[in-house]
N, C-alpha and C. Protein backbone atom coordinates (compact mmCIF):
# COMPACT_ATOMS: atom_id res chain seq x y z
N MET A 1 44.91 -21.15 -84.78
CA MET A 1 46.05 -21.74 -85.50
C MET A 1 46.01 -23.26 -85.41
N THR A 2 46.17 -23.91 -86.54
CA THR A 2 46.11 -25.36 -86.57
C THR A 2 47.40 -25.95 -86.02
N HIS A 3 47.36 -27.24 -85.72
CA HIS A 3 48.52 -27.93 -85.22
C HIS A 3 49.68 -27.87 -86.22
N THR A 4 49.35 -28.03 -87.51
CA THR A 4 50.37 -27.99 -88.56
C THR A 4 51.03 -26.62 -88.64
N GLU A 5 50.20 -25.56 -88.57
CA GLU A 5 50.73 -24.20 -88.61
C GLU A 5 51.61 -23.92 -87.42
N SER A 6 51.19 -24.39 -86.25
CA SER A 6 51.98 -24.20 -85.04
C SER A 6 53.31 -24.93 -85.14
N HIS A 7 53.28 -26.12 -85.69
CA HIS A 7 54.50 -26.92 -85.85
C HIS A 7 55.48 -26.21 -86.79
N LYS A 8 54.95 -25.68 -87.91
CA LYS A 8 55.80 -24.98 -88.87
C LYS A 8 56.42 -23.73 -88.25
N ARG A 9 55.64 -23.01 -87.44
CA ARG A 9 56.16 -21.80 -86.81
C ARG A 9 57.27 -22.15 -85.82
N ASN A 10 57.06 -23.22 -85.06
CA ASN A 10 58.08 -23.65 -84.10
C ASN A 10 59.34 -24.11 -84.80
N LEU A 11 59.15 -24.77 -85.97
CA LEU A 11 60.30 -25.23 -86.74
C LEU A 11 61.10 -24.06 -87.26
N ARG A 12 60.41 -23.04 -87.78
CA ARG A 12 61.11 -21.84 -88.24
C ARG A 12 61.84 -21.17 -87.09
N ARG A 13 61.22 -21.17 -85.93
CA ARG A 13 61.84 -20.55 -84.74
C ARG A 13 63.13 -21.28 -84.38
N LYS A 14 63.10 -22.61 -84.43
CA LYS A 14 64.29 -23.38 -84.10
C LYS A 14 65.39 -23.13 -85.12
N GLU A 15 65.01 -23.01 -86.39
CA GLU A 15 66.02 -22.76 -87.42
C GLU A 15 66.67 -21.39 -87.26
N ALA A 16 65.93 -20.44 -86.69
CA ALA A 16 66.45 -19.09 -86.52
C ALA A 16 67.30 -18.94 -85.27
N ARG A 17 67.19 -19.88 -84.35
CA ARG A 17 67.87 -19.72 -83.06
C ARG A 17 69.38 -19.59 -83.14
N PRO A 18 70.08 -20.36 -83.97
CA PRO A 18 71.53 -20.15 -84.04
C PRO A 18 71.90 -18.71 -84.38
N ASP A 19 71.19 -18.12 -85.34
CA ASP A 19 71.47 -16.72 -85.71
C ASP A 19 71.14 -15.78 -84.55
N GLU A 20 70.06 -16.05 -83.84
CA GLU A 20 69.68 -15.20 -82.72
C GLU A 20 70.70 -15.28 -81.60
N ILE A 21 71.22 -16.47 -81.37
CA ILE A 21 72.25 -16.67 -80.34
C ILE A 21 73.53 -15.93 -80.74
N VAL A 22 73.91 -16.05 -82.01
CA VAL A 22 75.10 -15.36 -82.51
C VAL A 22 74.93 -13.85 -82.38
N ASP A 23 73.76 -13.34 -82.78
CA ASP A 23 73.50 -11.88 -82.68
C ASP A 23 73.61 -11.41 -81.25
N SER A 24 73.05 -12.16 -80.32
CA SER A 24 73.12 -11.80 -78.92
C SER A 24 74.57 -11.77 -78.44
N ALA A 25 75.33 -12.78 -78.82
CA ALA A 25 76.75 -12.86 -78.40
C ALA A 25 77.54 -11.67 -78.93
N MET A 26 77.32 -11.33 -80.19
CA MET A 26 78.09 -10.25 -80.79
C MET A 26 77.78 -8.90 -80.13
N LYS A 27 76.54 -8.68 -79.77
CA LYS A 27 76.19 -7.44 -79.06
C LYS A 27 76.91 -7.37 -77.73
N LEU A 28 76.95 -8.48 -77.03
CA LEU A 28 77.60 -8.51 -75.72
C LEU A 28 79.10 -8.37 -75.85
N TRP A 29 79.70 -9.04 -76.84
CA TRP A 29 81.14 -8.92 -77.05
C TRP A 29 81.53 -7.49 -77.36
N ALA A 30 80.68 -6.79 -78.09
CA ALA A 30 80.96 -5.41 -78.43
C ALA A 30 81.02 -4.52 -77.19
N ASN A 31 80.19 -4.84 -76.20
CA ASN A 31 80.09 -3.99 -75.01
C ASN A 31 80.98 -4.42 -73.86
N GLN A 32 81.20 -5.73 -73.71
CA GLN A 32 81.94 -6.18 -72.53
C GLN A 32 83.06 -7.16 -72.82
N GLY A 33 83.29 -7.44 -74.08
CA GLY A 33 84.40 -8.33 -74.44
C GLY A 33 84.01 -9.81 -74.41
N PHE A 34 84.92 -10.62 -74.90
CA PHE A 34 84.65 -12.06 -75.02
C PHE A 34 84.72 -12.76 -73.67
N THR A 35 85.78 -12.54 -72.93
CA THR A 35 85.98 -13.26 -71.66
C THR A 35 84.88 -12.96 -70.66
N ALA A 36 84.50 -11.69 -70.55
CA ALA A 36 83.50 -11.29 -69.55
C ALA A 36 82.08 -11.74 -69.89
N THR A 37 81.86 -12.11 -71.12
CA THR A 37 80.52 -12.53 -71.55
C THR A 37 80.29 -14.00 -71.19
N LYS A 38 79.22 -14.26 -70.47
CA LYS A 38 78.89 -15.63 -70.07
C LYS A 38 77.79 -16.20 -70.96
N ILE A 39 77.75 -17.52 -71.01
CA ILE A 39 76.71 -18.18 -71.79
C ILE A 39 75.33 -17.77 -71.30
N GLU A 40 75.19 -17.58 -69.99
CA GLU A 40 73.91 -17.13 -69.44
C GLU A 40 73.48 -15.79 -70.03
N ASP A 41 74.46 -14.89 -70.19
CA ASP A 41 74.18 -13.57 -70.75
C ASP A 41 73.72 -13.69 -72.20
N ILE A 42 74.39 -14.56 -72.95
CA ILE A 42 74.05 -14.76 -74.35
C ILE A 42 72.64 -15.35 -74.47
N ALA A 43 72.34 -16.31 -73.61
CA ALA A 43 71.02 -16.93 -73.62
C ALA A 43 69.93 -15.90 -73.32
N LYS A 44 70.17 -15.08 -72.32
CA LYS A 44 69.20 -14.06 -71.95
C LYS A 44 68.96 -13.10 -73.10
N GLY A 45 70.04 -12.67 -73.75
CA GLY A 45 69.90 -11.75 -74.86
C GLY A 45 69.15 -12.35 -76.04
N ALA A 46 69.29 -13.66 -76.20
CA ALA A 46 68.60 -14.36 -77.31
C ALA A 46 67.19 -14.79 -76.94
N GLY A 47 66.83 -14.61 -75.66
CA GLY A 47 65.49 -14.99 -75.22
C GLY A 47 65.29 -16.48 -75.10
N VAL A 48 66.37 -17.20 -74.76
CA VAL A 48 66.28 -18.65 -74.61
C VAL A 48 66.92 -19.06 -73.28
N ALA A 49 66.72 -20.31 -72.90
CA ALA A 49 67.34 -20.85 -71.70
C ALA A 49 68.81 -21.16 -71.98
N LYS A 50 69.60 -21.17 -70.92
CA LYS A 50 71.03 -21.47 -71.06
C LYS A 50 71.23 -22.83 -71.73
N GLY A 51 70.42 -23.80 -71.34
CA GLY A 51 70.53 -25.14 -71.93
C GLY A 51 70.28 -25.15 -73.42
N THR A 52 69.42 -24.24 -73.88
CA THR A 52 69.12 -24.17 -75.32
C THR A 52 70.36 -23.77 -76.11
N VAL A 53 71.16 -22.87 -75.57
CA VAL A 53 72.39 -22.46 -76.25
C VAL A 53 73.26 -23.68 -76.50
N TYR A 54 73.36 -24.55 -75.49
CA TYR A 54 74.23 -25.72 -75.61
C TYR A 54 73.67 -26.77 -76.57
N LEU A 55 72.41 -26.65 -76.92
CA LEU A 55 71.87 -27.54 -77.96
C LEU A 55 72.46 -27.24 -79.34
N TYR A 56 72.90 -25.98 -79.50
CA TYR A 56 73.42 -25.54 -80.79
C TYR A 56 74.94 -25.33 -80.77
N PHE A 57 75.48 -24.93 -79.64
CA PHE A 57 76.90 -24.61 -79.55
C PHE A 57 77.48 -25.20 -78.26
N GLU A 58 78.64 -25.81 -78.38
CA GLU A 58 79.23 -26.44 -77.21
C GLU A 58 80.00 -25.46 -76.32
N SER A 59 80.29 -24.25 -76.86
CA SER A 59 81.08 -23.30 -76.10
C SER A 59 80.98 -21.91 -76.71
N LYS A 60 81.51 -20.91 -76.02
CA LYS A 60 81.57 -19.56 -76.59
C LYS A 60 82.45 -19.53 -77.83
N GLU A 61 83.51 -20.34 -77.80
CA GLU A 61 84.39 -20.40 -78.96
C GLU A 61 83.63 -20.88 -80.20
N ALA A 62 82.75 -21.85 -79.99
CA ALA A 62 81.95 -22.37 -81.11
C ALA A 62 80.99 -21.31 -81.63
N ILE A 63 80.48 -20.47 -80.73
CA ILE A 63 79.59 -19.38 -81.15
C ILE A 63 80.39 -18.39 -81.99
N PHE A 64 81.60 -18.08 -81.56
CA PHE A 64 82.46 -17.16 -82.33
C PHE A 64 82.73 -17.73 -83.73
N GLU A 65 83.08 -18.99 -83.79
CA GLU A 65 83.36 -19.63 -85.08
C GLU A 65 82.13 -19.57 -85.99
N ALA A 66 80.96 -19.78 -85.41
CA ALA A 66 79.71 -19.69 -86.19
C ALA A 66 79.47 -18.26 -86.66
N ALA A 67 79.78 -17.29 -85.80
CA ALA A 67 79.62 -15.89 -86.17
C ALA A 67 80.48 -15.52 -87.36
N VAL A 68 81.70 -16.01 -87.37
CA VAL A 68 82.60 -15.75 -88.51
C VAL A 68 82.01 -16.31 -89.80
N LYS A 69 81.50 -17.53 -89.72
CA LYS A 69 80.95 -18.18 -90.91
C LYS A 69 79.66 -17.50 -91.37
N ILE A 70 78.77 -17.21 -90.41
CA ILE A 70 77.48 -16.62 -90.75
C ILE A 70 77.65 -15.19 -91.29
N ARG A 71 78.49 -14.43 -90.64
CA ARG A 71 78.61 -13.00 -90.99
C ARG A 71 79.59 -12.72 -92.12
N LEU A 72 80.63 -13.56 -92.28
CA LEU A 72 81.72 -13.17 -93.18
C LEU A 72 82.02 -14.14 -94.31
N ALA A 73 81.67 -15.41 -94.15
CA ALA A 73 82.04 -16.39 -95.19
C ALA A 73 81.43 -16.04 -96.54
N GLY A 74 80.16 -15.65 -96.55
CA GLY A 74 79.49 -15.29 -97.81
C GLY A 74 80.13 -14.10 -98.48
N THR A 75 80.50 -13.10 -97.70
CA THR A 75 81.16 -11.91 -98.24
C THR A 75 82.49 -12.27 -98.88
N MET A 76 83.27 -13.11 -98.20
CA MET A 76 84.57 -13.49 -98.75
C MET A 76 84.43 -14.29 -100.04
N THR A 77 83.38 -15.10 -100.12
CA THR A 77 83.13 -15.85 -101.36
C THR A 77 82.77 -14.91 -102.49
N GLN A 78 81.94 -13.91 -102.20
CA GLN A 78 81.55 -12.92 -103.21
C GLN A 78 82.77 -12.14 -103.69
N ILE A 79 83.64 -11.75 -102.77
CA ILE A 79 84.84 -11.01 -103.14
C ILE A 79 85.73 -11.88 -104.06
N ASP A 80 85.87 -13.14 -103.70
CA ASP A 80 86.70 -14.04 -104.51
C ASP A 80 86.14 -14.21 -105.90
N GLU A 81 84.82 -14.34 -106.01
CA GLU A 81 84.20 -14.50 -107.32
C GLU A 81 84.38 -13.24 -108.17
N THR A 82 84.21 -12.08 -107.53
CA THR A 82 84.35 -10.81 -108.26
C THR A 82 85.80 -10.58 -108.68
N SER A 83 86.75 -11.08 -107.90
CA SER A 83 88.17 -10.88 -108.24
C SER A 83 88.54 -11.54 -109.56
N LYS A 84 87.69 -12.42 -110.05
CA LYS A 84 87.95 -13.10 -111.33
C LYS A 84 87.18 -12.46 -112.50
N ASP A 85 86.46 -11.38 -112.21
CA ASP A 85 85.65 -10.71 -113.23
C ASP A 85 86.55 -9.98 -114.24
N GLU A 86 86.57 -10.46 -115.46
CA GLU A 86 87.46 -9.91 -116.48
C GLU A 86 87.01 -8.54 -116.98
N SER A 87 85.79 -8.15 -116.67
CA SER A 87 85.27 -6.88 -117.18
C SER A 87 85.68 -5.68 -116.29
N LEU A 88 86.23 -5.97 -115.11
CA LEU A 88 86.58 -4.90 -114.18
C LEU A 88 88.08 -4.63 -114.17
N SER A 89 88.43 -3.36 -114.04
CA SER A 89 89.83 -2.98 -113.95
C SER A 89 90.39 -3.34 -112.58
N THR A 90 91.71 -3.30 -112.45
CA THR A 90 92.35 -3.56 -111.16
C THR A 90 91.86 -2.56 -110.11
N ARG A 91 91.77 -1.30 -110.50
CA ARG A 91 91.29 -0.27 -109.57
C ARG A 91 89.88 -0.58 -109.08
N ASP A 92 89.01 -0.99 -110.01
CA ASP A 92 87.62 -1.32 -109.64
C ASP A 92 87.56 -2.54 -108.75
N LEU A 93 88.40 -3.53 -109.02
CA LEU A 93 88.42 -4.73 -108.20
C LEU A 93 88.87 -4.43 -106.77
N LEU A 94 89.86 -3.56 -106.65
CA LEU A 94 90.33 -3.16 -105.32
C LEU A 94 89.23 -2.41 -104.58
N LYS A 95 88.54 -1.51 -105.29
CA LYS A 95 87.44 -0.78 -104.65
C LYS A 95 86.34 -1.74 -104.20
N ASN A 96 86.04 -2.72 -105.04
CA ASN A 96 85.02 -3.71 -104.68
C ASN A 96 85.43 -4.45 -103.41
N PHE A 97 86.70 -4.84 -103.35
CA PHE A 97 87.20 -5.53 -102.17
C PHE A 97 87.01 -4.69 -100.91
N TYR A 98 87.47 -3.46 -100.95
CA TYR A 98 87.39 -2.60 -99.78
C TYR A 98 85.95 -2.28 -99.37
N TRP A 99 85.07 -2.06 -100.35
CA TRP A 99 83.72 -1.68 -100.00
C TRP A 99 82.87 -2.84 -99.53
N ARG A 100 83.11 -4.02 -100.06
CA ARG A 100 82.38 -5.18 -99.53
C ARG A 100 82.79 -5.45 -98.08
N VAL A 101 84.06 -5.29 -97.80
CA VAL A 101 84.54 -5.48 -96.43
C VAL A 101 83.95 -4.42 -95.51
N TYR A 102 83.95 -3.17 -95.96
CA TYR A 102 83.37 -2.10 -95.15
C TYR A 102 81.90 -2.37 -94.83
N GLN A 103 81.16 -2.78 -95.85
CA GLN A 103 79.74 -3.07 -95.66
C GLN A 103 79.52 -4.11 -94.57
N GLN A 104 80.32 -5.16 -94.61
CA GLN A 104 80.14 -6.24 -93.64
C GLN A 104 80.64 -5.86 -92.25
N LEU A 105 81.77 -5.20 -92.20
CA LEU A 105 82.34 -4.86 -90.89
C LEU A 105 81.62 -3.74 -90.18
N PHE A 106 81.33 -2.66 -90.92
CA PHE A 106 80.85 -1.45 -90.25
C PHE A 106 79.37 -1.17 -90.42
N VAL A 107 78.77 -1.65 -91.51
CA VAL A 107 77.33 -1.47 -91.69
C VAL A 107 76.58 -2.63 -91.03
N ASN A 108 77.10 -3.83 -91.22
CA ASN A 108 76.44 -5.01 -90.66
C ASN A 108 76.99 -5.42 -89.28
N GLY A 109 77.98 -4.71 -88.79
CA GLY A 109 78.41 -4.89 -87.41
C GLY A 109 79.43 -5.99 -87.13
N SER A 110 80.05 -6.53 -88.16
CA SER A 110 80.97 -7.65 -87.92
C SER A 110 82.35 -7.20 -87.44
N ALA A 111 82.58 -5.90 -87.36
CA ALA A 111 83.87 -5.41 -86.86
C ALA A 111 84.11 -5.86 -85.42
N VAL A 112 83.04 -6.19 -84.70
CA VAL A 112 83.19 -6.64 -83.32
C VAL A 112 84.04 -7.90 -83.26
N LEU A 113 84.02 -8.72 -84.30
CA LEU A 113 84.83 -9.94 -84.29
C LEU A 113 86.31 -9.61 -84.32
N MET A 114 86.68 -8.61 -85.11
CA MET A 114 88.07 -8.15 -85.11
C MET A 114 88.42 -7.52 -83.78
N LYS A 115 87.47 -6.81 -83.20
CA LYS A 115 87.70 -6.18 -81.89
C LYS A 115 88.04 -7.24 -80.85
N VAL A 116 87.32 -8.35 -80.87
CA VAL A 116 87.58 -9.44 -79.94
C VAL A 116 89.00 -9.98 -80.17
N LEU A 117 89.37 -10.17 -81.43
CA LEU A 117 90.67 -10.75 -81.72
C LEU A 117 91.82 -9.83 -81.33
N ILE A 118 91.65 -8.54 -81.60
CA ILE A 118 92.70 -7.59 -81.26
C ILE A 118 92.89 -7.53 -79.74
N ALA A 119 91.78 -7.54 -79.01
CA ALA A 119 91.85 -7.40 -77.55
C ALA A 119 92.19 -8.70 -76.84
N GLU A 120 91.68 -9.84 -77.34
CA GLU A 120 91.77 -11.08 -76.58
C GLU A 120 92.25 -12.28 -77.39
N GLY A 121 92.55 -12.09 -78.66
CA GLY A 121 92.93 -13.21 -79.50
C GLY A 121 94.13 -13.99 -79.01
N HIS A 122 95.06 -13.30 -78.34
CA HIS A 122 96.26 -13.99 -77.85
C HIS A 122 95.92 -15.04 -76.80
N ARG A 123 94.75 -14.93 -76.19
CA ARG A 123 94.33 -15.88 -75.18
C ARG A 123 93.48 -17.01 -75.75
N PHE A 124 93.01 -16.81 -76.97
CA PHE A 124 92.11 -17.78 -77.59
C PHE A 124 92.55 -18.10 -79.02
N PRO A 125 93.58 -18.92 -79.17
CA PRO A 125 94.11 -19.20 -80.51
C PRO A 125 93.08 -19.83 -81.44
N SER A 126 92.09 -20.53 -80.91
CA SER A 126 91.07 -21.14 -81.78
C SER A 126 90.23 -20.07 -82.48
N LEU A 127 90.04 -18.92 -81.81
CA LEU A 127 89.30 -17.83 -82.43
C LEU A 127 90.10 -17.25 -83.59
N VAL A 128 91.39 -17.06 -83.34
CA VAL A 128 92.27 -16.53 -84.38
C VAL A 128 92.30 -17.46 -85.58
N ASN A 129 92.41 -18.75 -85.32
CA ASN A 129 92.45 -19.72 -86.41
C ASN A 129 91.16 -19.72 -87.22
N ALA A 130 90.03 -19.58 -86.54
CA ALA A 130 88.75 -19.54 -87.24
C ALA A 130 88.66 -18.33 -88.16
N TYR A 131 89.12 -17.19 -87.66
CA TYR A 131 89.07 -15.96 -88.45
C TYR A 131 90.05 -16.02 -89.60
N LYS A 132 91.23 -16.58 -89.35
CA LYS A 132 92.23 -16.70 -90.40
C LYS A 132 91.74 -17.58 -91.53
N SER A 133 91.12 -18.70 -91.19
CA SER A 133 90.73 -19.66 -92.23
C SER A 133 89.60 -19.13 -93.11
N VAL A 134 88.68 -18.38 -92.51
CA VAL A 134 87.51 -17.90 -93.27
C VAL A 134 87.75 -16.54 -93.91
N VAL A 135 88.41 -15.64 -93.17
CA VAL A 135 88.51 -14.25 -93.62
C VAL A 135 89.90 -13.90 -94.16
N LEU A 136 90.92 -14.03 -93.33
CA LEU A 136 92.23 -13.54 -93.73
C LEU A 136 92.82 -14.34 -94.89
N SER A 137 92.78 -15.65 -94.82
CA SER A 137 93.35 -16.46 -95.89
C SER A 137 92.61 -16.23 -97.21
N ASN A 138 91.28 -16.18 -97.14
CA ASN A 138 90.52 -15.95 -98.37
C ASN A 138 90.70 -14.53 -98.89
N GLY A 139 90.84 -13.58 -97.96
CA GLY A 139 91.09 -12.21 -98.39
C GLY A 139 92.42 -12.06 -99.10
N ILE A 140 93.46 -12.68 -98.54
CA ILE A 140 94.78 -12.65 -99.15
C ILE A 140 94.76 -13.33 -100.51
N HIS A 141 94.01 -14.43 -100.61
CA HIS A 141 93.89 -15.15 -101.89
C HIS A 141 93.22 -14.27 -102.94
N SER A 142 92.17 -13.56 -102.56
CA SER A 142 91.49 -12.69 -103.51
C SER A 142 92.38 -11.53 -103.97
N ILE A 143 93.13 -10.97 -103.02
CA ILE A 143 94.06 -9.89 -103.36
C ILE A 143 95.12 -10.39 -104.34
N ALA A 144 95.64 -11.59 -104.09
CA ALA A 144 96.64 -12.16 -104.98
C ALA A 144 96.06 -12.32 -106.38
N ASN A 145 94.81 -12.76 -106.47
CA ASN A 145 94.15 -12.89 -107.78
C ASN A 145 94.07 -11.56 -108.50
N ILE A 146 93.69 -10.52 -107.75
CA ILE A 146 93.54 -9.18 -108.34
C ILE A 146 94.89 -8.68 -108.87
N LEU A 147 95.93 -8.85 -108.07
CA LEU A 147 97.25 -8.36 -108.47
C LEU A 147 97.81 -9.15 -109.65
N ARG A 148 97.65 -10.47 -109.62
CA ARG A 148 98.14 -11.29 -110.73
C ARG A 148 97.45 -10.92 -112.03
N ARG A 149 96.15 -10.71 -111.94
CA ARG A 149 95.41 -10.35 -113.14
C ARG A 149 95.80 -8.96 -113.64
N GLY A 150 96.09 -8.06 -112.67
CA GLY A 150 96.55 -6.72 -113.03
C GLY A 150 97.87 -6.75 -113.79
N VAL A 151 98.76 -7.65 -113.37
CA VAL A 151 100.04 -7.80 -114.06
C VAL A 151 99.81 -8.39 -115.47
N ALA A 152 98.98 -9.40 -115.55
CA ALA A 152 98.70 -10.05 -116.83
C ALA A 152 98.09 -9.10 -117.84
N ARG A 153 97.31 -8.13 -117.35
CA ARG A 153 96.64 -7.18 -118.25
C ARG A 153 97.49 -5.93 -118.50
N GLY A 154 98.64 -5.86 -117.88
CA GLY A 154 99.52 -4.72 -118.09
C GLY A 154 99.15 -3.50 -117.27
N GLU A 155 98.25 -3.65 -116.30
CA GLU A 155 97.85 -2.53 -115.45
C GLU A 155 98.82 -2.35 -114.28
N LEU A 156 99.54 -3.42 -113.95
CA LEU A 156 100.51 -3.38 -112.87
C LEU A 156 101.81 -3.99 -113.38
N ASN A 157 102.93 -3.57 -112.76
CA ASN A 157 104.20 -4.18 -113.14
C ASN A 157 104.43 -5.47 -112.35
N LYS A 158 105.49 -6.19 -112.68
CA LYS A 158 105.71 -7.52 -112.10
C LYS A 158 105.98 -7.48 -110.61
N LEU A 159 106.34 -6.33 -110.09
CA LEU A 159 106.57 -6.21 -108.64
C LEU A 159 105.31 -6.58 -107.87
N ALA A 160 104.15 -6.37 -108.48
CA ALA A 160 102.88 -6.66 -107.81
C ALA A 160 102.74 -8.14 -107.45
N ASN A 161 103.46 -9.00 -108.17
CA ASN A 161 103.40 -10.43 -107.88
C ASN A 161 104.31 -10.84 -106.72
N THR A 162 105.12 -9.90 -106.24
CA THR A 162 106.09 -10.24 -105.19
C THR A 162 105.85 -9.53 -103.87
N ILE A 163 104.97 -8.52 -103.85
CA ILE A 163 104.77 -7.77 -102.61
C ILE A 163 103.98 -8.62 -101.59
N ASP A 164 104.09 -8.25 -100.35
CA ASP A 164 103.30 -8.89 -99.29
C ASP A 164 101.86 -8.41 -99.42
N ASN A 165 100.95 -9.33 -99.72
CA ASN A 165 99.57 -8.95 -99.97
C ASN A 165 98.88 -8.35 -98.76
N ARG A 166 99.48 -8.50 -97.59
CA ARG A 166 98.90 -7.87 -96.40
C ARG A 166 98.97 -6.36 -96.48
N LEU A 167 99.89 -5.84 -97.33
CA LEU A 167 99.95 -4.39 -97.52
C LEU A 167 98.66 -3.87 -98.15
N VAL A 168 98.06 -4.68 -99.01
CA VAL A 168 96.82 -4.27 -99.66
C VAL A 168 95.66 -4.32 -98.68
N MET A 169 95.71 -5.26 -97.76
CA MET A 169 94.65 -5.39 -96.75
C MET A 169 94.82 -4.40 -95.60
N ALA A 170 95.97 -3.76 -95.51
CA ALA A 170 96.30 -2.90 -94.37
C ALA A 170 95.27 -1.83 -94.06
N PRO A 171 94.66 -1.13 -95.05
CA PRO A 171 93.71 -0.08 -94.70
C PRO A 171 92.52 -0.58 -93.89
N VAL A 172 92.09 -1.83 -94.15
CA VAL A 172 90.96 -2.39 -93.42
C VAL A 172 91.32 -2.56 -91.95
N VAL A 173 92.50 -3.13 -91.70
CA VAL A 173 92.95 -3.35 -90.32
C VAL A 173 93.16 -2.00 -89.62
N MET A 174 93.79 -1.06 -90.34
CA MET A 174 94.06 0.24 -89.74
C MET A 174 92.77 0.97 -89.39
N PHE A 175 91.80 0.95 -90.32
CA PHE A 175 90.54 1.67 -90.08
C PHE A 175 89.77 1.02 -88.93
N THR A 176 89.79 -0.31 -88.87
CA THR A 176 89.12 -1.01 -87.78
C THR A 176 89.73 -0.66 -86.43
N THR A 177 91.07 -0.65 -86.38
CA THR A 177 91.76 -0.30 -85.15
C THR A 177 91.47 1.16 -84.77
N TRP A 178 91.52 2.03 -85.76
CA TRP A 178 91.24 3.45 -85.53
C TRP A 178 89.82 3.64 -84.97
N SER A 179 88.86 2.92 -85.55
CA SER A 179 87.47 3.05 -85.10
C SER A 179 87.30 2.55 -83.68
N MET A 180 88.07 1.54 -83.29
CA MET A 180 88.01 1.03 -81.92
C MET A 180 88.52 2.09 -80.94
N ILE A 181 89.54 2.83 -81.35
CA ILE A 181 90.15 3.83 -80.47
C ILE A 181 89.31 5.09 -80.40
N THR A 182 88.83 5.54 -81.56
CA THR A 182 88.16 6.84 -81.64
C THR A 182 86.64 6.77 -81.76
N GLY A 183 86.11 5.60 -82.15
CA GLY A 183 84.69 5.47 -82.39
C GLY A 183 84.25 5.94 -83.77
N GLU A 184 85.21 6.39 -84.57
CA GLU A 184 84.90 6.90 -85.92
C GLU A 184 84.75 5.76 -86.92
N GLN A 185 83.60 5.71 -87.58
CA GLN A 185 83.36 4.70 -88.60
C GLN A 185 82.72 5.31 -89.84
N SER A 186 82.93 6.60 -90.05
CA SER A 186 82.23 7.30 -91.12
C SER A 186 82.64 6.82 -92.50
N LYS A 187 81.66 6.80 -93.39
CA LYS A 187 81.90 6.38 -94.76
C LYS A 187 82.85 7.33 -95.47
N SER A 188 82.76 8.61 -95.17
CA SER A 188 83.63 9.58 -95.83
C SER A 188 85.09 9.39 -95.44
N ALA A 189 85.34 9.08 -94.17
CA ALA A 189 86.71 8.84 -93.72
C ALA A 189 87.28 7.60 -94.37
N TYR A 190 86.47 6.56 -94.47
CA TYR A 190 86.90 5.32 -95.10
C TYR A 190 87.16 5.54 -96.59
N THR A 191 86.27 6.31 -97.24
CA THR A 191 86.44 6.61 -98.67
C THR A 191 87.77 7.29 -98.92
N LYS A 192 88.09 8.28 -98.12
CA LYS A 192 89.36 9.00 -98.26
C LYS A 192 90.54 8.06 -98.10
N LEU A 193 90.46 7.21 -97.09
CA LEU A 193 91.56 6.28 -96.80
C LEU A 193 91.80 5.33 -97.96
N ILE A 194 90.74 4.67 -98.45
CA ILE A 194 90.96 3.68 -99.50
C ILE A 194 91.29 4.33 -100.84
N ASP A 195 90.71 5.49 -101.12
CA ASP A 195 91.06 6.17 -102.37
C ASP A 195 92.54 6.54 -102.40
N ASP A 196 93.03 7.04 -101.29
CA ASP A 196 94.46 7.38 -101.20
C ASP A 196 95.33 6.14 -101.30
N HIS A 197 94.89 5.06 -100.65
CA HIS A 197 95.67 3.83 -100.66
C HIS A 197 95.72 3.24 -102.06
N ILE A 198 94.59 3.22 -102.74
CA ILE A 198 94.55 2.69 -104.11
C ILE A 198 95.43 3.55 -105.03
N TYR A 199 95.40 4.86 -104.83
CA TYR A 199 96.23 5.75 -105.64
C TYR A 199 97.71 5.43 -105.45
N ILE A 200 98.12 5.23 -104.20
CA ILE A 200 99.52 4.91 -103.92
C ILE A 200 99.90 3.55 -104.52
N LEU A 201 98.99 2.56 -104.38
CA LEU A 201 99.25 1.23 -104.93
C LEU A 201 99.42 1.28 -106.45
N MET A 202 98.49 1.97 -107.11
CA MET A 202 98.52 2.02 -108.56
C MET A 202 99.72 2.80 -109.07
N LYS A 203 100.12 3.85 -108.35
CA LYS A 203 101.31 4.61 -108.73
C LYS A 203 102.58 3.80 -108.52
N GLY A 204 102.62 3.12 -107.38
CA GLY A 204 103.83 2.36 -107.06
C GLY A 204 103.99 1.08 -107.87
N LEU A 205 102.87 0.49 -108.25
CA LEU A 205 102.93 -0.79 -108.97
C LEU A 205 102.53 -0.68 -110.43
N GLY A 206 102.12 0.53 -110.85
CA GLY A 206 101.65 0.69 -112.21
C GLY A 206 102.77 0.84 -113.23
């Protein structure tokens, strides 16, 4: 291997390290929680020295904030863009919202971030604020777009513009909490939940 090739490989390795550190942290948080996880543990899981972690992140809180951005920011942007798609019905937009969230939380493993917040968020307000700014606020904004457009197209009545949009997000929170308690994350159970919820929403607001 030439010096140039070695340099390029090392550069790619350095660029991948933040993601590797985040992945290590999330695995540990899933098993032992946020507070009990030490930077040393995260470093070991990522295959780097403790000092290397601090080259990229100043604290565990900073790693959590990075995890939210890396794992969820892109998904929330995609949901927001799709919520403006004029070719999709309100029902289809709601399904898109729920399934994109399911994919990220339960297929790609980001539900652990909610698990941390539910269990320990009251002790770490900065974690809650990071999640709110990237996920919850953007999610509520997308839901509001979907409902407003549904009213404008005559698919929903005007009450849809006045309801608490957290009601629409409720199945995601409920399913995540349920999965934490029971370990159930099956696609069929989630499908039943969101189909029933969409049916109730469309009947109540249609």
